């Protein structure tokens, strides 16, 4: 994947808050709507800047709406977290060791949740 089409998986706290507001809304939102959802935690121009950065990172899409843009997330929180986990794992030469340590730290419910998609078709991959 080229640098211009790469989807970034890292976000800072402000980006996470903006994404959270978009996920909660469940529909495309303008910067004003996101700002209102966040309340006094962020200024309007800060929200605009964060949305532009998320767009540049391919984490949100946008469309023109009146005099502003409406933004919506490309992925839900679970997909974004899974992408982050894969990105961290890809940085390690000892992937098997990291995975084994991760699995050993799971409780029974988490292990069952991890096992279920692996048992579905044997590959654990989505069709």
Protein backbone atom coordinates (compact mmCIF):
# COMPACT_ATOMS: atom_id res chain seq x y z
CA UNK A 1 0.00 0.00 0.00
CA UNK A 2 1.44 3.35 -0.95
CA UNK A 3 1.95 6.16 1.54
CA UNK A 4 -0.89 8.13 -0.06
CA UNK A 5 -3.45 5.35 0.39
CA UNK A 6 -2.24 3.95 3.71
CA UNK A 7 -4.83 3.85 6.46
CA UNK A 8 -3.34 5.10 9.70
CA UNK A 9 -4.35 3.29 12.84
CA UNK A 10 -2.88 5.53 15.48
CA UNK A 11 -4.92 8.31 17.00
CA UNK A 12 -4.33 10.71 19.85
CA UNK A 13 -6.87 11.39 22.61
CA UNK A 14 -8.62 14.22 20.73
CA UNK A 15 -9.01 12.06 17.64
CA UNK A 16 -10.41 9.24 19.76
CA UNK A 17 -12.99 11.62 21.28
CA UNK A 18 -14.06 12.87 17.84
CA UNK A 19 -14.33 9.32 16.50
CA UNK A 20 -16.35 8.41 19.60
CA UNK A 21 -18.78 11.24 18.89
CA UNK A 22 -19.14 10.11 15.26
CA UNK A 23 -19.71 6.48 16.29
CA UNK A 24 -22.30 7.56 18.86
CA UNK A 25 -24.13 9.71 16.31
CA UNK A 26 -24.46 6.82 13.86
CA UNK A 27 -24.74 9.21 10.92
CA UNK A 28 -22.59 11.78 9.11
CA UNK A 29 -21.98 14.88 11.24
CA UNK A 30 -20.74 18.37 10.55
CA UNK A 31 -17.94 19.84 12.66
CA UNK A 32 -20.58 21.90 14.49
CA UNK A 33 -22.52 18.76 15.41
CA UNK A 34 -19.38 17.01 16.62
CA UNK A 35 -18.40 20.10 18.61
CA UNK A 36 -21.85 20.19 20.23
CA UNK A 37 -21.63 16.49 21.08
CA UNK A 38 -18.24 17.00 22.76
CA UNK A 39 -19.41 20.02 24.72
CA UNK A 40 -16.76 22.28 26.21
CA UNK A 41 -14.01 19.66 25.96
CA UNK A 42 -12.80 20.97 22.57
CA UNK A 43 -13.02 24.24 20.67
CA UNK A 44 -14.80 24.39 17.31
CA UNK A 45 -11.61 24.99 15.30
CA UNK A 46 -9.91 22.14 17.17
CA UNK A 47 -12.73 19.81 16.10
CA UNK A 48 -12.39 21.02 12.49
CA UNK A 49 -8.64 20.39 12.60
CA UNK A 50 -9.06 16.93 14.09
CA UNK A 51 -11.68 15.97 11.46
CA UNK A 52 -9.33 17.16 8.70
CA UNK A 53 -6.50 15.06 10.18
CA UNK A 54 -8.75 12.01 10.48
CA UNK A 55 -9.73 12.53 6.84
CA UNK A 56 -6.06 12.77 5.80
CA UNK A 57 -5.42 9.52 7.71
CA UNK A 58 -8.31 7.82 5.87
CA UNK A 59 -10.14 7.20 9.15
CA UNK A 60 -13.20 9.24 8.13
CA UNK A 61 -14.92 10.11 4.88
CA UNK A 62 -16.65 13.39 4.10
CA UNK A 63 -19.15 14.97 1.75
CA UNK A 64 -20.10 18.58 1.14
CA UNK A 65 -23.17 19.62 3.09
CA UNK A 66 -24.30 23.22 2.77
CA UNK A 67 -21.26 25.33 3.70
CA UNK A 68 -19.51 22.60 5.68
CA UNK A 69 -18.55 18.97 5.30
CA UNK A 70 -20.30 16.06 6.96
CA UNK A 71 -17.96 13.36 8.26
CA UNK A 72 -18.47 9.70 9.14
CA UNK A 73 -16.05 7.02 10.31
CA UNK A 74 -14.68 4.50 7.85
CA UNK A 75 -14.55 1.75 10.48
CA UNK A 76 -16.22 1.06 13.78
CA UNK A 77 -14.29 0.99 17.04
CA UNK A 78 -13.78 -2.77 17.02
CA UNK A 79 -12.30 -2.76 13.50
CA UNK A 80 -10.03 0.16 14.31
CA UNK A 81 -8.79 -1.55 17.48
CA UNK A 82 -8.19 -4.80 15.57
CA UNK A 83 -6.19 -2.82 12.97
CA UNK A 84 -4.08 -1.33 15.77
CA UNK A 85 -3.44 -4.76 17.22
CA UNK A 86 -2.34 -6.08 13.80
CA UNK A 87 -0.11 -3.05 13.28
CA UNK A 88 1.61 -3.55 16.63
CA UNK A 89 2.01 -7.24 15.97
CA UNK A 90 3.50 -6.61 12.51
CA UNK A 91 6.30 -4.59 14.13
CA UNK A 92 7.57 -7.66 15.98
CA UNK A 93 9.83 -10.37 14.63
CA UNK A 94 8.63 -12.71 17.39
CA UNK A 95 4.92 -12.62 16.48
CA UNK A 96 4.29 -16.17 17.68
CA UNK A 97 5.72 -15.40 21.12
CA UNK A 98 3.69 -12.20 21.41
CA UNK A 99 0.49 -14.02 20.40
CA UNK A 100 1.14 -16.80 22.88
CA UNK A 101 1.70 -14.32 25.71
CA UNK A 102 -1.42 -12.45 24.70
CA UNK A 103 -3.54 -15.61 24.71
CA UNK A 104 -2.20 -16.71 28.09
CA UNK A 105 -3.38 -13.41 29.56
CA UNK A 106 -7.00 -13.91 28.48
CA UNK A 107 -9.78 -14.91 30.85
CA UNK A 108 -12.14 -17.77 29.91
CA UNK A 109 -14.74 -15.52 28.26
CA UNK A 110 -12.11 -13.70 26.19
CA UNK A 111 -10.52 -17.00 25.14
CA UNK A 112 -13.94 -18.31 24.05
CA UNK A 113 -14.57 -15.12 22.06
CA UNK A 114 -11.21 -15.53 20.34
CA UNK A 115 -11.73 -19.24 19.72
CA UNK A 116 -15.23 -18.89 18.16
CA UNK A 117 -14.25 -17.34 14.80
CA UNK A 118 -11.29 -19.72 14.52
CA UNK A 119 -13.63 -22.68 14.95
CA UNK A 120 -16.18 -21.38 12.40
CA UNK A 121 -14.22 -22.30 9.28
CA UNK A 122 -10.83 -23.28 10.59
CA UNK A 123 -9.09 -20.20 9.26
CA UNK A 124 -10.44 -17.50 11.54
CA UNK A 125 -10.62 -15.19 8.54
CA UNK A 126 -13.67 -13.37 7.30
CA UNK A 127 -15.07 -14.57 3.98
